Amino acid sequence: MLIIGANLDADEGWELQTSKNDAVRSLGPPASDHSTLMDIRQLRIQPQELIHAFVDYSQNTKLPSKKVAILFGEGTSRMQFRRIIQSENVIAKMELFTDRDEALAWLKA
C-alpha cells in the first residue's frame, strides 16, 4: 500500500515509485502478479507536472500492477485522479474508492 501525504513534490513522487518497484521486486516473479492500493485521502491538489509524471509512470512502468485501487477523500485531488482515470489510458484496471474495505475486496476479486 502506498500512503501519500497532503503535499507531494516531484522528488517524493519518484521516491514513492522507486519504493513501489522495490516492493514488487521483493515479491519475486512473476512481477506482474500484484495489485496496488494507493491511499491519497490526505493528498491536496497537485501541480500538473506531478499529475503528468503519474500518468507517464503508470503508462510506461516495467512493473505494472494488475489492478490499482485509489482510496481518496474529499477535495480537489479526487477530481484530478477521476479525470486521469476517465481521460487517460493509464491502466486497464484502476478504480477509485472512498471505503478501504471495498477497495481491498475489489483488489482481491
Protein backbone atom coordinates (compact mmCIF):
# COMPACT_ATOMS: atom_id res chain seq x y z
CA MET A 1 0.00 0.00 0.00
CA LEU A 2 1.28 3.45 -0.91
CA ILE A 3 0.23 6.16 1.53
CA ILE A 4 0.61 9.64 0.09
CA GLY A 5 0.54 12.68 2.39
CA ALA A 6 -1.01 16.10 1.92
CA ASN A 7 1.88 17.61 -0.01
CA LEU A 8 3.96 15.80 -2.59
CA ASP A 9 6.73 17.15 -4.76
CA ALA A 10 8.26 15.55 -7.84
CA ASP A 11 11.24 14.10 -5.95
CA GLU A 12 8.93 12.47 -3.40
CA GLY A 13 6.81 11.13 -6.24
CA TRP A 14 9.83 9.43 -7.80
CA GLU A 15 10.85 8.08 -4.37
CA LEU A 16 7.38 6.54 -3.98
CA GLN A 17 7.67 4.92 -7.40
CA THR A 18 11.10 3.54 -6.53
CA SER A 19 9.77 2.17 -3.24
CA LYS A 20 6.83 0.56 -5.05
CA ASN A 21 9.16 -1.06 -7.59
CA ASP A 22 11.46 -2.35 -4.82
CA ALA A 23 8.45 -3.85 -3.01
CA VAL A 24 7.25 -5.54 -6.20
CA ARG A 25 10.70 -7.00 -6.91
CA SER A 26 10.84 -8.37 -3.36
CA LEU A 27 7.70 -10.43 -4.09
CA GLY A 28 9.58 -12.42 -6.70
CA PRO A 29 8.34 -13.50 -10.12
CA PRO A 30 6.03 -13.00 -11.80
CA ALA A 31 6.35 -9.26 -11.20
CA SER A 32 3.07 -8.55 -12.97
CA ASP A 33 1.05 -10.61 -10.45
CA HIS A 34 0.49 -7.87 -7.89
CA SER A 35 -2.10 -5.22 -7.08
CA THR A 36 -1.65 -1.77 -5.58
CA LEU A 37 -3.69 0.19 -3.06
CA MET A 38 -2.91 3.92 -3.15
CA ASP A 39 -4.17 5.95 -0.20
CA ILE A 40 -4.44 9.58 -1.29
CA ARG A 41 -7.00 10.66 1.32
CA GLN A 42 -4.65 13.35 2.64
CA LEU A 43 -3.37 14.48 -0.75
CA ARG A 44 -4.21 18.01 -1.82
CA ILE A 45 -4.41 19.39 -5.35
CA GLN A 46 -1.19 18.78 -7.24
CA PRO A 47 0.63 20.70 -9.96
CA GLN A 48 0.01 19.42 -13.48
CA GLU A 49 3.70 18.47 -13.73
CA LEU A 50 3.21 15.90 -10.95
CA ILE A 51 -0.03 14.59 -12.46
CA HIS A 52 1.70 14.15 -15.83
CA ALA A 53 4.54 12.27 -14.09
CA PHE A 54 1.96 9.92 -12.52
CA VAL A 55 0.34 9.27 -15.91
CA ASP A 56 3.74 8.74 -17.57
CA TYR A 57 4.85 6.29 -14.89
CA SER A 58 1.54 4.41 -14.99
CA GLN A 59 1.68 4.03 -18.76
CA ASN A 60 5.36 3.15 -19.01
CA THR A 61 6.27 1.23 -15.86
CA LYS A 62 8.09 -2.06 -16.35
CA LEU A 63 6.35 -3.41 -13.21
CA PRO A 64 2.66 -2.69 -13.81
CA SER A 65 0.04 -3.65 -11.25
CA LYS A 66 -2.73 -5.91 -12.50
CA LYS A 67 -5.16 -3.71 -10.50
CA VAL A 68 -4.82 -0.32 -8.80
CA ALA A 69 -7.33 0.85 -6.19
CA ILE A 70 -7.09 4.52 -5.28
CA LEU A 71 -8.52 5.37 -1.88
CA PHE A 72 -9.47 9.04 -1.77
CA GLY A 73 -11.28 11.50 0.46
CA GLU A 74 -12.94 14.78 -0.32
CA GLY A 75 -11.23 17.54 -2.21
CA THR A 76 -9.75 18.53 -5.48
CA SER A 77 -7.21 15.70 -5.71
CA ARG A 78 -10.18 13.35 -6.06
CA MET A 79 -11.31 15.30 -9.11
CA GLN A 80 -7.78 15.23 -10.54
CA PHE A 81 -7.49 11.46 -10.24
CA ARG A 82 -11.03 10.86 -11.52
CA ARG A 83 -10.20 12.97 -14.59
CA ILE A 84 -6.98 10.99 -15.14
CA ILE A 85 -8.75 7.65 -14.98
CA GLN A 86 -11.52 8.78 -17.30
CA SER A 87 -9.42 10.59 -19.89
CA GLU A 88 -6.09 8.77 -19.97
CA ASN A 89 -5.32 5.17 -20.83
CA VAL A 90 -3.41 4.81 -17.56
CA ILE A 91 -4.13 1.20 -16.63
CA ALA A 92 -6.93 -1.12 -17.61
CA LYS A 93 -7.95 -1.94 -14.06
CA MET A 94 -7.86 1.26 -11.98
CA GLU A 95 -10.75 2.29 -9.74
CA LEU A 96 -11.49 5.00 -7.18
CA PHE A 97 -12.86 4.19 -3.72
CA THR A 98 -13.83 6.05 -0.56
CA ASP A 99 -14.05 2.89 1.56
CA ARG A 100 -10.86 0.90 2.32
CA ASP A 101 -12.68 -2.43 2.76
CA GLU A 102 -14.40 -2.04 -0.62
CA ALA A 103 -11.06 -1.20 -2.24
CA LEU A 104 -9.41 -4.29 -0.74
CA ALA A 105 -12.35 -6.52 -1.73
CA TRP A 106 -12.09 -5.24 -5.34
CA LEU A 107 -8.34 -5.87 -5.40
CA LYS A 108 -8.81 -9.44 -4.15
CA ALA A 109 -11.67 -10.27 -6.56
